[in-house]
Amino acid sequence: MAYKPELWAEAKKKCRLNEEEIRMAKEMGLNPKSLIKNIPSPREQWKQPVKVWIHEMYEDRYEKKKNKAASS
């Protein structure tokens, strides 16, 4: 499902993301609503900022793909 550019722009602004992080989120199949929903509130001090969350998830997914390809 394709999301409207306005939703991505809103997520970019609210989550303080750059174009590279938006590209990574799209590549992983995330949607702008889930990014906005995962913004930590002041009570959720344990929660990472969306920017860090995207980077870690992207690294984990693509590290697994590299390892799987190397072992095959």
N, C-alpha and C. Protein backbone atom coordinates (compact mmCIF):
# COMPACT_ATOMS: atom_id res chain seq x y z
N MET A 1 0.84 -1.18 0.00
CA MET A 1 0.00 0.00 0.00
C MET A 1 0.88 1.24 0.00
N ALA A 2 0.65 2.10 -0.93
CA ALA A 2 1.42 3.35 -1.01
C ALA A 2 0.77 4.42 -0.13
N TYR A 3 1.61 5.13 0.57
CA TYR A 3 1.12 6.19 1.44
C TYR A 3 1.34 7.54 0.79
N LYS A 4 0.47 8.45 1.09
CA LYS A 4 0.54 9.78 0.49
C LYS A 4 1.80 10.51 0.93
N PRO A 5 2.37 11.29 0.03
CA PRO A 5 3.58 12.05 0.39
C PRO A 5 3.35 12.99 1.58
N GLU A 6 2.11 13.44 1.76
CA GLU A 6 1.82 14.32 2.90
C GLU A 6 2.02 13.59 4.23
N LEU A 7 1.66 12.30 4.26
CA LEU A 7 1.85 11.52 5.49
C LEU A 7 3.33 11.33 5.79
N TRP A 8 4.13 11.07 4.74
CA TRP A 8 5.57 10.92 4.93
C TRP A 8 6.18 12.25 5.38
N ALA A 9 5.71 13.35 4.83
CA ALA A 9 6.22 14.67 5.23
C ALA A 9 5.90 14.95 6.70
N GLU A 10 4.69 14.56 7.12
CA GLU A 10 4.30 14.75 8.51
C GLU A 10 5.18 13.90 9.44
N ALA A 11 5.40 12.65 9.06
CA ALA A 11 6.26 11.78 9.86
C ALA A 11 7.68 12.31 9.91
N LYS A 12 8.16 12.82 8.80
CA LYS A 12 9.51 13.38 8.74
C LYS A 12 9.66 14.55 9.70
N LYS A 13 8.65 15.40 9.72
CA LYS A 13 8.69 16.58 10.58
C LYS A 13 8.54 16.20 12.05
N LYS A 14 7.54 15.39 12.38
CA LYS A 14 7.27 15.04 13.77
C LYS A 14 8.37 14.18 14.39
N CYS A 15 8.95 13.30 13.59
CA CYS A 15 9.98 12.38 14.11
C CYS A 15 11.39 12.92 13.93
N ARG A 16 11.50 14.09 13.28
CA ARG A 16 12.80 14.73 13.02
C ARG A 16 13.73 13.79 12.24
N LEU A 17 13.21 13.31 11.12
CA LEU A 17 13.96 12.39 10.27
C LEU A 17 14.50 13.12 9.05
N ASN A 18 15.51 12.54 8.42
CA ASN A 18 16.00 13.09 7.16
C ASN A 18 15.59 12.15 6.02
N GLU A 19 15.96 12.50 4.81
CA GLU A 19 15.54 11.71 3.63
C GLU A 19 16.07 10.28 3.69
N GLU A 20 17.28 10.11 4.17
CA GLU A 20 17.88 8.77 4.26
C GLU A 20 17.08 7.88 5.22
N GLU A 21 16.66 8.42 6.33
CA GLU A 21 15.89 7.64 7.31
C GLU A 21 14.50 7.32 6.78
N ILE A 22 13.91 8.24 6.02
CA ILE A 22 12.62 7.97 5.38
C ILE A 22 12.78 6.85 4.36
N ARG A 23 13.87 6.88 3.59
CA ARG A 23 14.13 5.83 2.60
C ARG A 23 14.29 4.47 3.28
N MET A 24 15.01 4.45 4.40
CA MET A 24 15.21 3.20 5.13
C MET A 24 13.88 2.67 5.64
N ALA A 25 13.04 3.54 6.17
CA ALA A 25 11.74 3.13 6.69
C ALA A 25 10.87 2.56 5.58
N LYS A 26 10.87 3.21 4.43
CA LYS A 26 10.08 2.72 3.29
C LYS A 26 10.61 1.38 2.82
N GLU A 27 11.93 1.24 2.78
CA GLU A 27 12.56 0.00 2.33
C GLU A 27 12.19 -1.16 3.24
N MET A 28 12.03 -0.89 4.52
CA MET A 28 11.66 -1.94 5.47
C MET A 28 10.16 -2.19 5.52
N GLY A 29 9.39 -1.38 4.80
CA GLY A 29 7.95 -1.58 4.76
C GLY A 29 7.19 -0.92 5.90
N LEU A 30 7.85 0.00 6.60
CA LEU A 30 7.17 0.72 7.68
C LEU A 30 6.24 1.76 7.06
N ASN A 31 5.27 2.19 7.81
CA ASN A 31 4.38 3.23 7.31
C ASN A 31 4.51 4.48 8.19
N PRO A 32 4.15 5.62 7.67
CA PRO A 32 4.33 6.86 8.42
C PRO A 32 3.54 6.90 9.73
N LYS A 33 2.39 6.26 9.74
CA LYS A 33 1.59 6.25 10.97
C LYS A 33 2.31 5.50 12.10
N SER A 34 2.99 4.39 11.76
CA SER A 34 3.70 3.63 12.79
C SER A 34 4.89 4.42 13.31
N LEU A 35 5.52 5.22 12.46
CA LEU A 35 6.64 6.04 12.91
C LEU A 35 6.15 7.08 13.91
N ILE A 36 5.06 7.75 13.57
CA ILE A 36 4.50 8.77 14.46
C ILE A 36 4.04 8.14 15.78
N LYS A 37 3.46 6.96 15.69
CA LYS A 37 2.96 6.28 16.87
C LYS A 37 4.09 5.89 17.83
N ASN A 38 5.29 5.70 17.30
CA ASN A 38 6.42 5.26 18.11
C ASN A 38 7.28 6.39 18.65
N ILE A 39 6.80 7.62 18.56
CA ILE A 39 7.53 8.74 19.17
C ILE A 39 7.41 8.58 20.68
N PRO A 40 8.54 8.55 21.39
CA PRO A 40 8.46 8.37 22.84
C PRO A 40 7.90 9.61 23.55
N SER A 41 7.04 9.36 24.51
CA SER A 41 6.52 10.46 25.32
C SER A 41 7.50 10.70 26.48
N PRO A 42 7.36 11.80 27.19
CA PRO A 42 8.27 12.05 28.33
C PRO A 42 8.23 10.95 29.39
N ARG A 43 7.11 10.24 29.50
CA ARG A 43 7.00 9.16 30.47
C ARG A 43 7.73 7.89 30.01
N GLU A 44 8.03 7.81 28.72
CA GLU A 44 8.66 6.63 28.16
C GLU A 44 10.16 6.87 27.95
N GLN A 45 10.85 7.09 29.05
CA GLN A 45 12.28 7.39 28.99
C GLN A 45 13.08 6.21 28.45
N TRP A 46 12.55 5.02 28.57
CA TRP A 46 13.24 3.82 28.10
C TRP A 46 13.20 3.68 26.59
N LYS A 47 12.27 4.37 25.95
CA LYS A 47 12.06 4.24 24.52
C LYS A 47 13.05 5.09 23.73
N GLN A 48 13.60 4.52 22.67
CA GLN A 48 14.55 5.25 21.84
C GLN A 48 13.83 6.21 20.91
N PRO A 49 14.50 7.27 20.48
CA PRO A 49 13.91 8.14 19.47
C PRO A 49 13.69 7.34 18.18
N VAL A 50 12.75 7.76 17.38
CA VAL A 50 12.39 7.04 16.16
C VAL A 50 13.61 6.92 15.24
N LYS A 51 14.42 7.95 15.17
CA LYS A 51 15.61 7.95 14.33
C LYS A 51 16.54 6.78 14.70
N VAL A 52 16.80 6.60 15.97
CA VAL A 52 17.68 5.52 16.44
C VAL A 52 17.03 4.17 16.20
N TRP A 53 15.73 4.09 16.44
CA TRP A 53 14.97 2.86 16.25
C TRP A 53 15.06 2.39 14.80
N ILE A 54 14.90 3.29 13.85
CA ILE A 54 14.97 2.95 12.43
C ILE A 54 16.37 2.45 12.08
N HIS A 55 17.40 3.16 12.53
CA HIS A 55 18.77 2.77 12.21
C HIS A 55 19.09 1.38 12.76
N GLU A 56 18.72 1.10 14.00
CA GLU A 56 19.01 -0.20 14.59
C GLU A 56 18.26 -1.32 13.89
N MET A 57 17.00 -1.09 13.59
CA MET A 57 16.20 -2.11 12.91
C MET A 57 16.76 -2.38 11.51
N TYR A 58 17.15 -1.33 10.82
CA TYR A 58 17.70 -1.46 9.46
C TYR A 58 19.00 -2.27 9.51
N GLU A 59 19.88 -1.94 10.44
CA GLU A 59 21.14 -2.67 10.58
C GLU A 59 20.90 -4.13 10.90
N ASP A 60 19.98 -4.41 11.82
CA ASP A 60 19.68 -5.81 12.18
C ASP A 60 19.17 -6.59 10.98
N ARG A 61 18.24 -6.02 10.25
CA ARG A 61 17.66 -6.74 9.11
C ARG A 61 18.67 -7.00 8.01
N TYR A 62 19.47 -6.01 7.70
CA TYR A 62 20.40 -6.17 6.60
C TYR A 62 21.66 -6.92 7.00
N GLU A 63 21.98 -6.95 8.28
CA GLU A 63 23.08 -7.77 8.77
C GLU A 63 22.68 -9.25 8.66
N LYS A 64 21.44 -9.56 8.99
CA LYS A 64 20.94 -10.94 8.87
C LYS A 64 20.97 -11.40 7.41
N LYS A 65 20.58 -10.51 6.50
CA LYS A 65 20.59 -10.86 5.07
C LYS A 65 22.00 -11.13 4.59
N LYS A 66 22.96 -10.31 5.04
CA LYS A 66 24.36 -10.51 4.65
C LYS A 66 24.86 -11.85 5.17
N ASN A 67 24.57 -12.15 6.42
CA ASN A 67 25.03 -13.41 7.02
C ASN A 67 24.40 -14.60 6.32
N LYS A 68 23.14 -14.50 5.99
CA LYS A 68 22.43 -15.59 5.32
C LYS A 68 23.01 -15.81 3.92
N ALA A 69 23.30 -14.73 3.21
CA ALA A 69 23.87 -14.84 1.87
C ALA A 69 25.28 -15.41 1.91
N ALA A 70 26.04 -15.03 2.93
CA ALA A 70 27.42 -15.51 3.05
C ALA A 70 27.48 -16.99 3.42
N SER A 71 26.52 -17.47 4.18
CA SER A 71 26.52 -18.87 4.60
C SER A 71 25.94 -19.80 3.54
N SER A 72 25.26 -19.26 2.56
CA SER A 72 24.66 -20.11 1.51
C SER A 72 25.64 -20.50 0.45
